[in-house]
Amino acid sequence: MPFGLCNAPATFQRIMQKVLAGVEWRSCFVYIDDVLVASKTFEEHLRHLREVLTRLRFANLRLKPKKCAFLKPQVHFLGHMISAQGEFSQILPRRR
């Protein structure tokens, strides 16, 4: 899909929602091209990751390995720092 189109982000968001239907909001959270997979245990996390990655492969969507982070105790997601315990804090934008 060409990303120069004015409605491309909304279209891509809808594609991601269709691809991850059933697991979105249960074990993964999606905003356009950001996908966060959350689990309580390591074994559960591996199952959730396998499910998400399988669905992305089946939809012929690809990931850039250098932009992926796996098994992190805390992550940046949509301007927030989210910890493994579910606590989050807002990250202020950097000044230029």
C-alpha atoms as a PDB file:
ATOM      1  CA  MET A   1       0.000   0.000   0.000  1.00  0.00           C
ATOM      2  CA  PRO A   2       1.491   3.392  -0.919  1.00  0.00           C
ATOM      3  CA  PHE A   3       1.908   5.479   2.224  1.00  0.00           C
ATOM      4  CA  GLY A   4       1.537   8.804   0.439  1.00  0.00           C
ATOM      5  CA  LEU A   5      -2.236   8.484   0.551  1.00  0.00           C
ATOM      6  CA  CYS A   6      -4.176  10.568   3.063  1.00  0.00           C
ATOM      7  CA  ASN A   7      -6.131   7.617   4.499  1.00  0.00           C
ATOM      8  CA  ALA A   8      -3.272   5.080   4.527  1.00  0.00           C
ATOM      9  CA  PRO A   9      -2.776   5.106   8.340  1.00  0.00           C
ATOM     10  CA  ALA A  10      -6.463   4.409   8.976  1.00  0.00           C
ATOM     11  CA  THR A  11      -6.473   1.670   6.343  1.00  0.00           C
ATOM     12  CA  PHE A  12      -3.370   0.044   7.835  1.00  0.00           C
ATOM     13  CA  GLN A  13      -4.882   0.255  11.345  1.00  0.00           C
ATOM     14  CA  ARG A  14      -7.974  -1.572  10.081  1.00  0.00           C
ATOM     15  CA  ILE A  15      -5.794  -4.248   8.448  1.00  0.00           C
ATOM     16  CA  MET A  16      -3.946  -4.786  11.734  1.00  0.00           C
ATOM     17  CA  GLN A  17      -7.239  -5.035  13.626  1.00  0.00           C
ATOM     18  CA  LYS A  18      -8.505  -7.677  11.207  1.00  0.00           C
ATOM     19  CA  VAL A  19      -5.260  -9.665  11.275  1.00  0.00           C
ATOM     20  CA  LEU A  20      -5.101  -9.648  15.083  1.00  0.00           C
ATOM     21  CA  ALA A  21      -8.834 -10.012  15.762  1.00  0.00           C
ATOM     22  CA  GLY A  22      -9.401 -12.246  18.750  1.00  0.00           C
ATOM     23  CA  VAL A  23      -6.038 -11.560  20.374  1.00  0.00           C
ATOM     24  CA  GLU A  24      -6.152  -7.765  20.310  1.00  0.00           C
ATOM     25  CA  TRP A  25      -6.978  -6.383  23.782  1.00  0.00           C
ATOM     26  CA  ARG A  26      -6.483  -9.875  25.254  1.00  0.00           C
ATOM     27  CA  SER A  27      -2.765 -10.392  24.792  1.00  0.00           C
ATOM     28  CA  CYS A  28      -1.699  -7.706  22.329  1.00  0.00           C
ATOM     29  CA  PHE A  29      -2.280  -4.017  21.796  1.00  0.00           C
ATOM     30  CA  VAL A  30      -1.980  -2.379  18.389  1.00  0.00           C
ATOM     31  CA  TYR A  31      -1.664   1.195  17.209  1.00  0.00           C
ATOM     32  CA  ILE A  32      -0.992   1.394  13.481  1.00  0.00           C
ATOM     33  CA  ASP A  33       2.440  -0.297  13.206  1.00  0.00           C
ATOM     34  CA  ASP A  34       3.200  -0.586  16.940  1.00  0.00           C
ATOM     35  CA  VAL A  35       2.312  -3.980  18.408  1.00  0.00           C
ATOM     36  CA  LEU A  36       2.740  -4.707  22.110  1.00  0.00           C
ATOM     37  CA  VAL A  37       2.389  -8.301  23.320  1.00  0.00           C
ATOM     38  CA  ALA A  38       1.839  -8.663  27.075  1.00  0.00           C
ATOM     39  CA  SER A  39       1.684 -11.805  29.209  1.00  0.00           C
ATOM     40  CA  LYS A  40       1.899 -12.839  32.846  1.00  0.00           C
ATOM     41  CA  THR A  41       4.353 -15.726  32.461  1.00  0.00           C
ATOM     42  CA  PHE A  42       7.234 -16.553  30.147  1.00  0.00           C
ATOM     43  CA  GLU A  43       5.469 -19.621  28.717  1.00  0.00           C
ATOM     44  CA  GLU A  44       2.285 -17.645  28.108  1.00  0.00           C
ATOM     45  CA  HIS A  45       4.337 -14.907  26.449  1.00  0.00           C
ATOM     46  CA  LEU A  46       5.905 -17.387  24.039  1.00  0.00           C
ATOM     47  CA  ARG A  47       2.418 -18.668  23.086  1.00  0.00           C
ATOM     48  CA  HIS A  48       1.149 -15.120  22.552  1.00  0.00           C
ATOM     49  CA  LEU A  49       4.200 -14.158  20.484  1.00  0.00           C
ATOM     50  CA  ARG A  50       3.841 -17.263  18.345  1.00  0.00           C
ATOM     51  CA  GLU A  51       0.156 -16.462  17.725  1.00  0.00           C
ATOM     52  CA  VAL A  52       0.836 -12.837  16.756  1.00  0.00           C
ATOM     53  CA  LEU A  53       3.828 -13.666  14.546  1.00  0.00           C
ATOM     54  CA  THR A  54       1.919 -16.487  12.837  1.00  0.00           C
ATOM     55  CA  ARG A  55      -0.989 -14.172  12.062  1.00  0.00           C
ATOM     56  CA  LEU A  56       1.334 -11.494  10.677  1.00  0.00           C
ATOM     57  CA  ARG A  57       3.087 -14.064   8.483  1.00  0.00           C
ATOM     58  CA  PHE A  58      -0.232 -15.468   7.242  1.00  0.00           C
ATOM     59  CA  ALA A  59      -1.299 -11.906   6.274  1.00  0.00           C
ATOM     60  CA  ASN A  60       2.042 -11.487   4.447  1.00  0.00           C
ATOM     61  CA  LEU A  61       3.078  -8.646   6.777  1.00  0.00           C
ATOM     62  CA  ARG A  62       6.753  -8.334   7.591  1.00  0.00           C
ATOM     63  CA  LEU A  63       8.675  -6.994  10.564  1.00  0.00           C
ATOM     64  CA  LYS A  64      11.997  -5.168  10.601  1.00  0.00           C
ATOM     65  CA  PRO A  65      14.125  -7.098  13.102  1.00  0.00           C
ATOM     66  CA  LYS A  66      16.094  -4.010  14.163  1.00  0.00           C
ATOM     67  CA  LYS A  67      12.822  -2.307  15.173  1.00  0.00           C
ATOM     68  CA  CYS A  68      11.635  -5.280  17.265  1.00  0.00           C
ATOM     69  CA  ALA A  69      12.244  -5.764  20.970  1.00  0.00           C
ATOM     70  CA  PHE A  70      11.412  -9.058  22.674  1.00  0.00           C
ATOM     71  CA  LEU A  71      11.133 -10.042  26.348  1.00  0.00           C
ATOM     72  CA  LYS A  72      11.706  -6.545  27.730  1.00  0.00           C
ATOM     73  CA  PRO A  73      10.838  -5.760  31.374  1.00  0.00           C
ATOM     74  CA  GLN A  74       9.701  -2.288  30.314  1.00  0.00           C
ATOM     75  CA  VAL A  75       8.888  -0.698  26.959  1.00  0.00           C
ATOM     76  CA  HIS A  76       8.057   2.652  25.404  1.00  0.00           C
ATOM     77  CA  PHE A  77       4.576   2.509  23.859  1.00  0.00           C
ATOM     78  CA  LEU A  78       2.684   5.532  22.531  1.00  0.00           C
ATOM     79  CA  GLY A  79       4.638   8.024  24.623  1.00  0.00           C
ATOM     80  CA  HIS A  80       4.520   6.005  27.841  1.00  0.00           C
ATOM     81  CA  MET A  81       7.009   3.827  29.677  1.00  0.00           C
ATOM     82  CA  ILE A  82       5.168   0.626  30.641  1.00  0.00           C
ATOM     83  CA  SER A  83       6.672  -1.760  33.196  1.00  0.00           C
ATOM     84  CA  ALA A  84       6.200  -5.516  33.558  1.00  0.00           C
ATOM     85  CA  GLN A  85       3.920  -4.829  36.537  1.00  0.00           C
ATOM     86  CA  GLY A  86       1.601  -2.762  34.326  1.00  0.00           C
ATOM     87  CA  GLU A  87       2.635   0.586  35.770  1.00  0.00           C
ATOM     88  CA  PHE A  88       3.149   3.374  33.296  1.00  0.00           C
ATOM     89  CA  SER A  89       4.461   6.906  33.260  1.00  0.00           C
ATOM     90  CA  GLN A  90       4.233   9.539  30.573  1.00  0.00           C
ATOM     91  CA  ILE A  91       7.418  10.296  28.689  1.00  0.00           C
ATOM     92  CA  LEU A  92       7.831  13.963  27.853  1.00  0.00           C
ATOM     93  CA  PRO A  93       8.872  14.786  24.283  1.00  0.00           C
ATOM     94  CA  ARG A  94      12.517  15.734  23.809  1.00  0.00           C
ATOM     95  CA  ARG A  95      13.351  19.362  23.176  1.00  0.00           C
ATOM     96  CA  ARG A  96      15.271  20.114  20.024  1.00  0.00           C
END
